[in-house]
C-alpha atoms as a PDB file:
ATOM      1  CA  MET A   1      45.318  88.278 121.906  1.00  0.00           C
ATOM      2  CA  ASN A   2      41.894  86.798 122.597  1.00  0.00           C
ATOM      3  CA  ARG A   3      41.701  83.124 123.279  1.00  0.00           C
ATOM      4  CA  LEU A   4      40.271  80.939 120.512  1.00  0.00           C
ATOM      5  CA  ARG A   5      37.314  78.763 121.390  1.00  0.00           C
ATOM      6  CA  LYS A   6      37.780  76.347 118.524  1.00  0.00           C
ATOM      7  CA  ILE A   7      39.930  73.243 118.761  1.00  0.00           C
ATOM      8  CA  LYS A   8      43.162  74.251 117.062  1.00  0.00           C
ATOM      9  CA  LYS A   9      44.455  70.755 116.392  1.00  0.00           C
ATOM     10  CA  ILE A  10      43.994  67.141 117.381  1.00  0.00           C
ATOM     11  CA  ARG A  11      46.829  64.866 118.455  1.00  0.00           C
ATOM     12  CA  LEU A  12      47.136  61.550 120.246  1.00  0.00           C
ATOM     13  CA  HIS A  13      47.799  61.513 123.965  1.00  0.00           C
ATOM     14  CA  ARG A  14      51.164  60.158 125.093  1.00  0.00           C
ATOM     15  CA  GLU A  15      49.373  57.874 127.567  1.00  0.00           C
ATOM     16  CA  GLY A  16      48.089  55.835 124.645  1.00  0.00           C
ATOM     17  CA  THR A  17      51.359  55.343 122.758  1.00  0.00           C
ATOM     18  CA  HIS A  18      52.188  51.841 123.996  1.00  0.00           C
ATOM     19  CA  THR A  19      48.571  50.690 123.993  1.00  0.00           C
ATOM     20  CA  LEU A  20      48.055  51.753 120.370  1.00  0.00           C
ATOM     21  CA  ILE A  21      51.321  50.221 119.171  1.00  0.00           C
ATOM     22  CA  TYR A  22      50.825  46.871 120.905  1.00  0.00           C
ATOM     23  CA  THR A  23      47.160  46.697 119.918  1.00  0.00           C
ATOM     24  CA  PHE A  24      48.023  47.393 116.262  1.00  0.00           C
ATOM     25  CA  ILE A  25      50.697  44.675 116.247  1.00  0.00           C
ATOM     26  CA  GLY A  26      48.365  42.194 117.931  1.00  0.00           C
ATOM     27  CA  MET A  27      45.462  42.885 115.566  1.00  0.00           C
ATOM     28  CA  LEU A  28      47.705  42.710 112.509  1.00  0.00           C
ATOM     29  CA  ALA A  29      49.137  39.378 113.640  1.00  0.00           C
ATOM     30  CA  PHE A  30      45.618  38.057 114.344  1.00  0.00           C
ATOM     31  CA  CYS A  31      44.319  39.043 110.893  1.00  0.00           C
ATOM     32  CA  LEU A  32      47.362  37.595 109.132  1.00  0.00           C
ATOM     33  CA  LEU A  33      46.955  34.360 111.087  1.00  0.00           C
ATOM     34  CA  LEU A  34      43.344  34.096 109.951  1.00  0.00           C
ATOM     35  CA  HIS A  35      44.246  34.931 106.369  1.00  0.00           C
ATOM     36  CA  PHE A  36      47.028  32.373 106.011  1.00  0.00           C
ATOM     37  CA  GLY A  37      45.692  29.808 108.455  1.00  0.00           C
ATOM     38  CA  LEU A  38      41.992  29.486 107.659  1.00  0.00           C
ATOM     39  CA  HIS A  39      42.031  30.548 104.033  1.00  0.00           C
ATOM     40  CA  ILE A  40      38.405  31.639 104.454  1.00  0.00           C
ATOM     41  CA  ARG A  41      38.129  35.073 102.883  1.00  0.00           C
ATOM     42  CA  LEU A  42      34.802  36.067 104.442  1.00  0.00           C
ATOM     43  CA  VAL A  43      35.959  35.289 107.998  1.00  0.00           C
ATOM     44  CA  THR A  44      39.163  37.251 107.453  1.00  0.00           C
ATOM     45  CA  GLN A  45      37.253  40.236 106.075  1.00  0.00           C
ATOM     46  CA  ILE A  46      34.790  40.303 108.982  1.00  0.00           C
ATOM     47  CA  ALA A  47      37.613  40.006 111.533  1.00  0.00           C
ATOM     48  CA  THR A  48      39.541  42.793 109.809  1.00  0.00           C
ATOM     49  CA  VAL A  49      36.534  45.130 109.843  1.00  0.00           C
ATOM     50  CA  ILE A  50      35.934  44.436 113.564  1.00  0.00           C
ATOM     51  CA  CYS A  51      39.599  45.102 114.344  1.00  0.00           C
ATOM     52  CA  ILE A  52      39.507  48.388 112.413  1.00  0.00           C
ATOM     53  CA  ILE A  53      36.385  49.523 114.286  1.00  0.00           C
ATOM     54  CA  ILE A  54      37.934  48.673 117.675  1.00  0.00           C
ATOM     55  CA  TYR A  55      41.159  50.449 116.751  1.00  0.00           C
ATOM     56  CA  CYS A  56      39.250  53.560 115.647  1.00  0.00           C
ATOM     57  CA  ILE A  57      37.509  53.599 119.044  1.00  0.00           C
ATOM     58  CA  LEU A  58      40.917  53.461 120.735  1.00  0.00           C
ATOM     59  CA  LEU A  59      42.190  56.298 118.545  1.00  0.00           C
ATOM     60  CA  ASN A  60      39.214  58.413 119.591  1.00  0.00           C
ATOM     61  CA  PHE A  61      39.705  57.456 123.250  1.00  0.00           C
ATOM     62  CA  PHE A  62      43.348  58.545 123.215  1.00  0.00           C
ATOM     63  CA  GLN A  63      42.802  61.831 121.424  1.00  0.00           C
ATOM     64  CA  CYS A  64      44.539  64.792 122.992  1.00  0.00           C
ATOM     65  CA  PRO A  65      42.704  67.881 121.687  1.00  0.00           C
ATOM     66  CA  VAL A  66      44.423  71.225 122.165  1.00  0.00           C
ATOM     67  CA  ARG A  67      41.671  73.559 123.344  1.00  0.00           C
ATOM     68  CA  LEU A  68      41.701  77.172 124.456  1.00  0.00           C
ATOM     69  CA  PHE A  69      38.886  78.556 126.595  1.00  0.00           C
ATOM     70  CA  ASP A  70      37.232  81.608 125.072  1.00  0.00           C
ATOM     71  CA  GLY A  71      36.414  84.133 127.762  1.00  0.00           C
ATOM     72  CA  GLU A  72      37.365  85.453 131.173  1.00  0.00           C
ATOM     73  CA  THR A  73      38.537  82.790 133.614  1.00  0.00           C
ATOM     74  CA  GLU A  74      38.111  84.701 136.871  1.00  0.00           C
ATOM     75  CA  ASN A  75      35.630  82.935 139.196  1.00  0.00           C
ATOM     76  CA  VAL A  76      34.773  80.503 136.394  1.00  0.00           C
ATOM     77  CA  VAL A  77      34.773  76.714 136.781  1.00  0.00           C
ATOM     78  CA  ILE A  78      34.854  74.715 133.571  1.00  0.00           C
ATOM     79  CA  ALA A  79      34.188  71.039 132.858  1.00  0.00           C
ATOM     80  CA  PRO A  80      37.402  69.086 133.487  1.00  0.00           C
ATOM     81  CA  ALA A  81      36.380  66.358 131.048  1.00  0.00           C
ATOM     82  CA  ASP A  82      34.292  65.391 128.055  1.00  0.00           C
ATOM     83  CA  GLY A  83      31.255  63.410 129.139  1.00  0.00           C
ATOM     84  CA  ARG A  84      27.838  63.713 130.750  1.00  0.00           C
ATOM     85  CA  VAL A  85      26.719  65.264 134.031  1.00  0.00           C
ATOM     86  CA  VAL A  86      25.494  62.417 136.271  1.00  0.00           C
ATOM     87  CA  VAL A  87      25.411  64.091 139.696  1.00  0.00           C
ATOM     88  CA  ILE A  88      24.573  67.584 140.956  1.00  0.00           C
ATOM     89  CA  GLU A  89      23.966  67.481 144.679  1.00  0.00           C
ATOM     90  CA  GLU A  90      24.916  68.844 148.068  1.00  0.00           C
ATOM     91  CA  VAL A  91      27.232  66.399 149.837  1.00  0.00           C
ATOM     92  CA  GLU A  92      29.401  66.191 152.939  1.00  0.00           C
ATOM     93  CA  GLU A  93      33.049  66.275 151.817  1.00  0.00           C
ATOM     94  CA  ASN A  94      35.135  64.741 154.616  1.00  0.00           C
ATOM     95  CA  GLU A  95      38.577  64.358 153.088  1.00  0.00           C
ATOM     96  CA  PHE A  96      39.554  68.027 152.747  1.00  0.00           C
ATOM     97  CA  PHE A  97      36.780  70.436 153.688  1.00  0.00           C
ATOM     98  CA  HIS A  98      34.844  68.523 156.382  1.00  0.00           C
ATOM     99  CA  ASP A  99      31.717  70.451 155.499  1.00  0.00           C
ATOM    100  CA  LYS A 100      29.024  70.545 152.849  1.00  0.00           C
ATOM    101  CA  ARG A 101      29.836  71.262 149.207  1.00  0.00           C
ATOM    102  CA  ILE A 102      28.059  71.078 145.864  1.00  0.00           C
ATOM    103  CA  MET A 103      29.361  68.119 143.890  1.00  0.00           C
ATOM    104  CA  VAL A 104      29.155  68.098 140.099  1.00  0.00           C
ATOM    105  CA  SER A 105      30.133  64.744 138.581  1.00  0.00           C
ATOM    106  CA  ILE A 106      30.985  64.134 134.929  1.00  0.00           C
ATOM    107  CA  PHE A 107      30.991  60.553 133.667  1.00  0.00           C
ATOM    108  CA  MET A 108      33.275  59.645 130.768  1.00  0.00           C
ATOM    109  CA  SER A 109      32.210  56.706 128.641  1.00  0.00           C
ATOM    110  CA  LEU A 110      34.428  54.653 126.377  1.00  0.00           C
ATOM    111  CA  TRP A 111      33.466  56.998 123.532  1.00  0.00           C
ATOM    112  CA  ASN A 112      34.802  60.145 125.200  1.00  0.00           C
ATOM    113  CA  VAL A 113      38.253  61.680 125.113  1.00  0.00           C
ATOM    114  CA  HIS A 114      39.759  60.850 128.521  1.00  0.00           C
ATOM    115  CA  ALA A 115      42.157  63.757 128.951  1.00  0.00           C
ATOM    116  CA  ASN A 116      41.333  65.896 132.011  1.00  0.00           C
ATOM    117  CA  TRP A 117      41.728  69.671 132.325  1.00  0.00           C
ATOM    118  CA  PHE A 118      42.113  71.874 135.397  1.00  0.00           C
ATOM    119  CA  PRO A 119      38.626  73.198 136.253  1.00  0.00           C
ATOM    120  CA  CYS A 120      39.890  76.644 137.275  1.00  0.00           C
ATOM    121  CA  ASP A 121      42.931  78.886 137.483  1.00  0.00           C
ATOM    122  CA  GLY A 122      44.856  78.927 140.748  1.00  0.00           C
ATOM    123  CA  ILE A 123      47.519  77.213 142.811  1.00  0.00           C
ATOM    124  CA  VAL A 124      47.593  73.463 143.460  1.00  0.00           C
ATOM    125  CA  LYS A 125      47.486  73.221 147.252  1.00  0.00           C
ATOM    126  CA  LYS A 126      47.399  69.448 147.645  1.00  0.00           C
ATOM    127  CA  VAL A 127      47.450  66.262 145.551  1.00  0.00           C
ATOM    128  CA  THR A 128      46.532  62.848 146.985  1.00  0.00           C
ATOM    129  CA  HIS A 129      45.997  59.334 145.645  1.00  0.00           C
ATOM    130  CA  ASN A 130      43.881  56.630 147.288  1.00  0.00           C
ATOM    131  CA  ASN A 131      43.785  52.996 146.267  1.00  0.00           C
ATOM    132  CA  GLY A 132      40.359  51.432 146.171  1.00  0.00           C
ATOM    133  CA  ARG A 133      37.842  49.355 144.293  1.00  0.00           C
ATOM    134  CA  PHE A 134      36.832  49.513 140.648  1.00  0.00           C
ATOM    135  CA  LYS A 135      33.049  49.758 140.774  1.00  0.00           C
ATOM    136  CA  ALA A 136      31.062  51.283 137.925  1.00  0.00           C
ATOM    137  CA  ALA A 137      32.046  54.965 137.896  1.00  0.00           C
ATOM    138  CA  TRP A 138      28.451  56.271 137.757  1.00  0.00           C
ATOM    139  CA  LEU A 139      27.532  54.678 141.105  1.00  0.00           C
ATOM    140  CA  PRO A 140      27.301  57.110 144.074  1.00  0.00           C
ATOM    141  CA  LYS A 141      29.792  55.147 146.212  1.00  0.00           C
ATOM    142  CA  ALA A 142      32.443  55.371 143.487  1.00  0.00           C
ATOM    143  CA  SER A 143      33.454  58.817 144.800  1.00  0.00           C
ATOM    144  CA  THR A 144      34.600  57.377 148.128  1.00  0.00           C
ATOM    145  CA  GLU A 145      35.297  53.681 147.473  1.00  0.00           C
ATOM    146  CA  ASN A 146      36.960  53.565 144.043  1.00  0.00           C
ATOM    147  CA  GLU A 147      40.616  54.242 143.316  1.00  0.00           C
ATOM    148  CA  ARG A 148      40.945  58.004 143.004  1.00  0.00           C
ATOM    149  CA  SER A 149      43.201  61.027 142.907  1.00  0.00           C
ATOM    150  CA  ALA A 150      42.262  64.407 144.379  1.00  0.00           C
ATOM    151  CA  ILE A 151      43.572  67.843 143.401  1.00  0.00           C
ATOM    152  CA  LEU A 152      42.828  70.771 145.718  1.00  0.00           C
ATOM    153  CA  ILE A 153      43.066  74.155 143.977  1.00  0.00           C
ATOM    154  CA  GLU A 154      42.973  77.624 145.504  1.00  0.00           C
ATOM    155  CA  THR A 155      41.754  80.251 143.042  1.00  0.00           C
ATOM    156  CA  PRO A 156      43.319  83.761 142.830  1.00  0.00           C
ATOM    157  CA  THR A 157      40.387  85.051 144.944  1.00  0.00           C
ATOM    158  CA  GLY A 158      41.034  82.514 147.707  1.00  0.00           C
ATOM    159  CA  VAL A 159      38.218  80.039 146.950  1.00  0.00           C
ATOM    160  CA  GLU A 160      39.117  76.347 147.227  1.00  0.00           C
ATOM    161  CA  VAL A 161      37.887  73.957 144.520  1.00  0.00           C
ATOM    162  CA  LEU A 162      38.436  70.217 144.671  1.00  0.00           C
ATOM    163  CA  ALA A 163      38.677  67.996 141.575  1.00  0.00           C
ATOM    164  CA  ARG A 164      38.669  64.229 142.067  1.00  0.00           C
ATOM    165  CA  GLN A 165      39.624  61.742 139.323  1.00  0.00           C
ATOM    166  CA  ILE A 166      37.840  58.428 139.853  1.00  0.00           C
ATOM    167  CA  ALA A 167      38.618  55.077 138.245  1.00  0.00           C
ATOM    168  CA  GLY A 168      35.739  53.038 136.847  1.00  0.00           C
ATOM    169  CA  ALA A 169      34.952  49.347 136.460  1.00  0.00           C
ATOM    170  CA  MET A 170      37.341  49.059 133.511  1.00  0.00           C
ATOM    171  CA  ALA A 171      39.831  51.788 134.389  1.00  0.00           C
ATOM    172  CA  ARG A 172      43.027  50.563 136.002  1.00  0.00           C
ATOM    173  CA  ARG A 173      45.235  53.610 135.813  1.00  0.00           C
ATOM    174  CA  ILE A 174      44.790  57.223 136.873  1.00  0.00           C
ATOM    175  CA  VAL A 175      47.474  59.647 135.751  1.00  0.00           C
ATOM    176  CA  THR A 176      47.708  63.006 137.546  1.00  0.00           C
ATOM    177  CA  TYR A 177      50.017  65.742 136.272  1.00  0.00           C
ATOM    178  CA  ALA A 178      49.174  68.298 138.969  1.00  0.00           C
ATOM    179  CA  LYS A 179      52.006  69.050 141.413  1.00  0.00           C
ATOM    180  CA  GLU A 180      51.628  70.668 144.808  1.00  0.00           C
ATOM    181  CA  GLY A 181      52.686  74.304 144.892  1.00  0.00           C
ATOM    182  CA  GLU A 182      52.472  74.838 141.140  1.00  0.00           C
ATOM    183  CA  ASP A 183      50.274  77.353 139.358  1.00  0.00           C
ATOM    184  CA  CYS A 184      47.522  75.779 137.262  1.00  0.00           C
ATOM    185  CA  PHE A 185      45.434  77.179 134.448  1.00  0.00           C
ATOM    186  CA  ILE A 186      42.197  76.188 132.752  1.00  0.00           C
ATOM    187  CA  ASP A 187      43.828  75.394 129.391  1.00  0.00           C
ATOM    188  CA  GLU A 188      46.283  72.904 130.915  1.00  0.00           C
ATOM    189  CA  HIS A 189      45.846  69.142 131.247  1.00  0.00           C
ATOM    190  CA  MET A 190      45.323  67.990 134.831  1.00  0.00           C
ATOM    191  CA  GLY A 191      45.686  64.293 134.045  1.00  0.00           C
ATOM    192  CA  PHE A 192      44.326  61.290 132.180  1.00  0.00           C
ATOM    193  CA  ILE A 193      42.185  58.282 133.125  1.00  0.00           C
ATOM    194  CA  LYS A 194      42.205  55.106 131.068  1.00  0.00           C
ATOM    195  CA  LEU A 195      38.808  53.625 130.122  1.00  0.00           C
ATOM    196  CA  GLY A 196      35.408  54.417 131.672  1.00  0.00           C
ATOM    197  CA  SER A 197      35.684  56.794 134.610  1.00  0.00           C
ATOM    198  CA  ARG A 198      34.483  60.119 136.068  1.00  0.00           C
ATOM    199  CA  VAL A 199      35.650  63.419 137.532  1.00  0.00           C
ATOM    200  CA  ASP A 200      33.950  65.045 140.527  1.00  0.00           C
ATOM    201  CA  VAL A 201      34.224  68.782 141.213  1.00  0.00           C
ATOM    202  CA  TYR A 202      33.404  70.085 144.706  1.00  0.00           C
ATOM    203  CA  LEU A 203      32.297  73.715 144.930  1.00  0.00           C
ATOM    204  CA  PRO A 204      31.211  76.138 147.682  1.00  0.00           C
ATOM    205  CA  LEU A 205      27.493  76.096 148.442  1.00  0.00           C
ATOM    206  CA  ASP A 206      26.998  79.623 147.103  1.00  0.00           C
ATOM    207  CA  SER A 207      28.327  78.702 143.647  1.00  0.00           C
ATOM    208  CA  GLU A 208      26.056  79.335 140.680  1.00  0.00           C
ATOM    209  CA  ILE A 209      25.641  75.982 138.894  1.00  0.00           C
ATOM    210  CA  LEU A 210      25.262  76.389 135.128  1.00  0.00           C
ATOM    211  CA  VAL A 211      24.774  72.773 134.004  1.00  0.00           C
ATOM    212  CA  GLU A 212      21.889  70.327 134.319  1.00  0.00           C
ATOM    213  CA  MET A 213      21.604  66.608 134.957  1.00  0.00           C
ATOM    214  CA  GLY A 214      22.279  64.592 131.820  1.00  0.00           C
ATOM    215  CA  GLN A 215      23.898  67.515 130.004  1.00  0.00           C
ATOM    216  CA  LYS A 216      26.860  66.699 127.801  1.00  0.00           C
ATOM    217  CA  THR A 217      30.073  68.547 128.560  1.00  0.00           C
ATOM    218  CA  THR A 218      33.182  69.410 126.587  1.00  0.00           C
ATOM    219  CA  GLY A 219      36.376  69.545 128.593  1.00  0.00           C
ATOM    220  CA  ASN A 220      37.891  73.028 128.895  1.00  0.00           C
ATOM    221  CA  GLN A 221      34.881  74.520 127.088  1.00  0.00           C
ATOM    222  CA  THR A 222      31.648  73.985 129.049  1.00  0.00           C
ATOM    223  CA  ILE A 223      31.232  76.324 132.036  1.00  0.00           C
ATOM    224  CA  ILE A 224      29.788  74.269 134.894  1.00  0.00           C
ATOM    225  CA  ALA A 225      29.693  76.978 137.577  1.00  0.00           C
ATOM    226  CA  LYS A 226      30.564  80.506 138.608  1.00  0.00           C
ATOM    227  CA  LEU A 227      32.059  81.258 142.007  1.00  0.00           C
ATOM    228  CA  LYS A 228      30.734  84.084 144.147  1.00  0.00           C
END
């Protein structure tokens, strides 16, 4: 059966369960306090509208779309996240490869779904986590100085691809589901990052890059590169 490109259904991510429940209770209590304490209808209405808008943003943030990639996955690297391409450059990667790689960085704003997908099929060779700072995720130094998790994947053809989840100025928790030694597939969730953040993908120099600076990406849908 061919894979379906469309989003089959939308659900909320389990990482947002407690946040959504506690936020709803807090906002409800706040609005009730204004209603019964101030007795000023206009103030209560404005506060209620603001709370509804903020809660809708949180609902969008914690969406967990079920997506299936439509097409062949061999030698294909897809966007691991919804967002915008902020970096495409040749860099020296010194944590795993110790040589030059092409880095493609996708920045996720507060308005994006923050679930992360595996960028390619393969085997998870290594998973690491480094504590660090919480600078703005779009800054160049965020890749090496911010709190981050790295997932090294070896594709079926033997090519190694590195995906790095990076916390942002507001993000305080990176969740990584990848486990060393396990098979991974494009349609599976790699992890989740709370609030503004980014994901870097490191590719061999001979990779064919298929995205441009500033381009918007859809996780598990947008092809960012093809491996030789």
